[in-house]
Each structure stands twice: as structure tokens, then as C-alpha cells.
Amino acid sequence: PFYYAEDDHQQYLYKNPHGYCGIGGIGVCLPPQ
């Protein structure tokens, strides 16, 4: 299932449109939205 990220994560995605890894330190990677 998909969980909405916290505001900091959303802003991170705006700054890094290619996605990012390490959500909650569990190494999950998100593809570009």
C-alpha cells in the first residue's frame, strides 16, 4: 500500500524529483512521482 509522506518528505521530493531512498531508515526507495 502507498502511504502519504510527511511534509518534509514531500518537500524533499519537490527538490529531488528523481525520488529518494531511506524512508524511516528502512531503505525504501520511491520512484519519481
PDB file of N, CA and C in Angstrom:
ATOM      1  N   PRO A   1       0.837  -1.217   0.000  1.00  0.00           N
ATOM      2  CA  PRO A   1       0.000   0.000   0.000  1.00  0.00           C
ATOM      3  C   PRO A   1       0.863   1.255   0.000  1.00  0.00           C
ATOM      4  N   PHE A   2       0.275   2.329  -0.481  1.00  0.00           N
ATOM      5  CA  PHE A   2       1.003   3.596  -0.537  1.00  0.00           C
ATOM      6  C   PHE A   2       0.639   4.453   0.667  1.00  0.00           C
ATOM      7  N   TYR A   3       1.651   5.027   1.304  1.00  0.00           N
ATOM      8  CA  TYR A   3       1.410   5.925   2.429  1.00  0.00           C
ATOM      9  C   TYR A   3       1.868   7.322   2.044  1.00  0.00           C
ATOM     10  N   TYR A   4       1.046   8.301   2.359  1.00  0.00           N
ATOM     11  CA  TYR A   4       1.451   9.678   2.088  1.00  0.00           C
ATOM     12  C   TYR A   4       2.632  10.051   2.975  1.00  0.00           C
ATOM     13  N   ALA A   5       3.604  10.689   2.367  1.00  0.00           N
ATOM     14  CA  ALA A   5       4.798  11.076   3.108  1.00  0.00           C
ATOM     15  C   ALA A   5       4.501  12.298   3.973  1.00  0.00           C
ATOM     16  N   GLU A   6       5.361  12.506   4.955  1.00  0.00           N
ATOM     17  CA  GLU A   6       5.239  13.703   5.772  1.00  0.00           C
ATOM     18  C   GLU A   6       5.617  14.923   4.946  1.00  0.00           C
ATOM     19  N   ASP A   7       5.292  16.098   5.454  1.00  0.00           N
ATOM     20  CA  ASP A   7       5.547  17.332   4.707  1.00  0.00           C
ATOM     21  C   ASP A   7       7.014  17.462   4.298  1.00  0.00           C
ATOM     22  N   ASP A   8       7.926  17.095   5.216  1.00  0.00           N
ATOM     23  CA  ASP A   8       9.352  17.200   4.900  1.00  0.00           C
ATOM     24  C   ASP A   8       9.708  16.304   3.723  1.00  0.00           C
ATOM     25  N   HIS A   9       9.102  15.122   3.678  1.00  0.00           N
ATOM     26  CA  HIS A   9       9.376  14.212   2.571  1.00  0.00           C
ATOM     27  C   HIS A   9       8.800  14.754   1.273  1.00  0.00           C
ATOM     28  N   GLN A  10       7.607  15.338   1.350  1.00  0.00           N
ATOM     29  CA  GLN A  10       7.006  15.907   0.150  1.00  0.00           C
ATOM     30  C   GLN A  10       7.884  17.022  -0.399  1.00  0.00           C
ATOM     31  N   GLN A  11       8.377  17.887   0.482  1.00  0.00           N
ATOM     32  CA  GLN A  11       9.237  18.976   0.028  1.00  0.00           C
ATOM     33  C   GLN A  11      10.546  18.422  -0.520  1.00  0.00           C
ATOM     34  N   TYR A  12      11.024  17.328   0.055  1.00  0.00           N
ATOM     35  CA  TYR A  12      12.244  16.696  -0.455  1.00  0.00           C
ATOM     36  C   TYR A  12      12.022  16.216  -1.876  1.00  0.00           C
ATOM     37  N   LEU A  13      10.851  15.640  -2.137  1.00  0.00           N
ATOM     38  CA  LEU A  13      10.548  15.166  -3.482  1.00  0.00           C
ATOM     39  C   LEU A  13      10.476  16.325  -4.460  1.00  0.00           C
ATOM     40  N   TYR A  14       9.969  17.476  -4.005  1.00  0.00           N
ATOM     41  CA  TYR A  14       9.939  18.644  -4.892  1.00  0.00           C
ATOM     42  C   TYR A  14      11.362  19.063  -5.262  1.00  0.00           C
ATOM     43  N   LYS A  15      12.269  18.972  -4.298  1.00  0.00           N
ATOM     44  CA  LYS A  15      13.657  19.364  -4.551  1.00  0.00           C
ATOM     45  C   LYS A  15      14.417  18.269  -5.289  1.00  0.00           C
ATOM     46  N   ASN A  16      13.962  17.023  -5.140  1.00  0.00           N
ATOM     47  CA  ASN A  16      14.638  15.882  -5.761  1.00  0.00           C
ATOM     48  C   ASN A  16      13.617  15.038  -6.525  1.00  0.00           C
ATOM     49  N   PRO A  17      13.237  15.496  -7.715  1.00  0.00           N
ATOM     50  CA  PRO A  17      12.154  14.867  -8.479  1.00  0.00           C
ATOM     51  C   PRO A  17      12.453  13.433  -8.895  1.00  0.00           C
ATOM     52  N   HIS A  18      13.696  12.987  -8.755  1.00  0.00           N
ATOM     53  CA  HIS A  18      14.038  11.618  -9.137  1.00  0.00           C
ATOM     54  C   HIS A  18      13.765  10.627  -8.020  1.00  0.00           C
ATOM     55  N   GLY A  19      13.136  11.109  -6.947  1.00  0.00           N
ATOM     56  CA  GLY A  19      12.821  10.212  -5.846  1.00  0.00           C
ATOM     57  C   GLY A  19      13.946  10.184  -4.823  1.00  0.00           C
ATOM     58  N   TYR A  20      13.745   9.408  -3.777  1.00  0.00           N
ATOM     59  CA  TYR A  20      14.748   9.323  -2.722  1.00  0.00           C
ATOM     60  C   TYR A  20      14.609   8.002  -1.977  1.00  0.00           C
ATOM     61  N   CYS A  21      15.653   7.660  -1.223  1.00  0.00           N
ATOM     62  CA  CYS A  21      15.682   6.391  -0.508  1.00  0.00           C
ATOM     63  C   CYS A  21      15.850   6.644   0.986  1.00  0.00           C
ATOM     64  N   GLY A  22      15.597   5.612   1.770  1.00  0.00           N
ATOM     65  CA  GLY A  22      15.859   5.696   3.197  1.00  0.00           C
ATOM     66  C   GLY A  22      14.686   6.228   3.997  1.00  0.00           C
ATOM     67  N   ILE A  23      13.467   5.975   3.553  1.00  0.00           N
ATOM     68  CA  ILE A  23      12.304   6.429   4.314  1.00  0.00           C
ATOM     69  C   ILE A  23      12.298   5.728   5.670  1.00  0.00           C
ATOM     70  N   GLY A  24      12.330   6.490   6.729  1.00  0.00           N
ATOM     71  CA  GLY A  24      12.295   5.914   8.062  1.00  0.00           C
ATOM     72  C   GLY A  24      13.507   5.046   8.360  1.00  0.00           C
ATOM     73  N   GLY A  25      14.540   5.135   7.524  1.00  0.00           N
ATOM     74  CA  GLY A  25      15.749   4.378   7.750  1.00  0.00           C
ATOM     75  C   GLY A  25      15.623   2.903   7.394  1.00  0.00           C
ATOM     76  N   ILE A  26      14.566   2.531   6.657  1.00  0.00           N
ATOM     77  CA  ILE A  26      14.387   1.122   6.308  1.00  0.00           C
ATOM     78  C   ILE A  26      14.797   0.840   4.873  1.00  0.00           C
ATOM     79  N   GLY A  27      15.351   1.853   4.193  1.00  0.00           N
ATOM     80  CA  GLY A  27      15.903   1.642   2.864  1.00  0.00           C
ATOM     81  C   GLY A  27      14.875   1.510   1.760  1.00  0.00           C
ATOM     82  N   VAL A  28      13.691   2.059   1.968  1.00  0.00           N
ATOM     83  CA  VAL A  28      12.683   2.009   0.909  1.00  0.00           C
ATOM     84  C   VAL A  28      12.979   3.097  -0.108  1.00  0.00           C
ATOM     85  N   CYS A  29      12.866   2.785  -1.389  1.00  0.00           N
ATOM     86  CA  CYS A  29      13.123   3.762  -2.434  1.00  0.00           C
ATOM     87  C   CYS A  29      11.834   4.098  -3.170  1.00  0.00           C
ATOM     88  N   LEU A  30      11.635   5.374  -3.430  1.00  0.00           N
ATOM     89  CA  LEU A  30      10.474   5.804  -4.192  1.00  0.00           C
ATOM     90  C   LEU A  30      10.893   6.195  -5.596  1.00  0.00           C
ATOM     91  N   PRO A  31      10.168   5.775  -6.607  1.00  0.00           N
ATOM     92  CA  PRO A  31      10.421   6.226  -7.968  1.00  0.00           C
ATOM     93  C   PRO A  31       9.917   7.651  -8.137  1.00  0.00           C
ATOM     94  N   PRO A  32      10.301   8.329  -9.199  1.00  0.00           N
ATOM     95  CA  PRO A  32       9.776   9.679  -9.451  1.00  0.00           C
ATOM     96  C   PRO A  32       8.256   9.645  -9.543  1.00  0.00           C
ATOM     97  N   GLN A  33       7.624  10.619  -8.961  1.00  0.00           N
ATOM     98  CA  GLN A  33       6.157  10.678  -8.989  1.00  0.00           C
ATOM     99  C   GLN A  33       5.674  11.431 -10.207  1.00  0.00           C
TER     100      GLN A  33
END
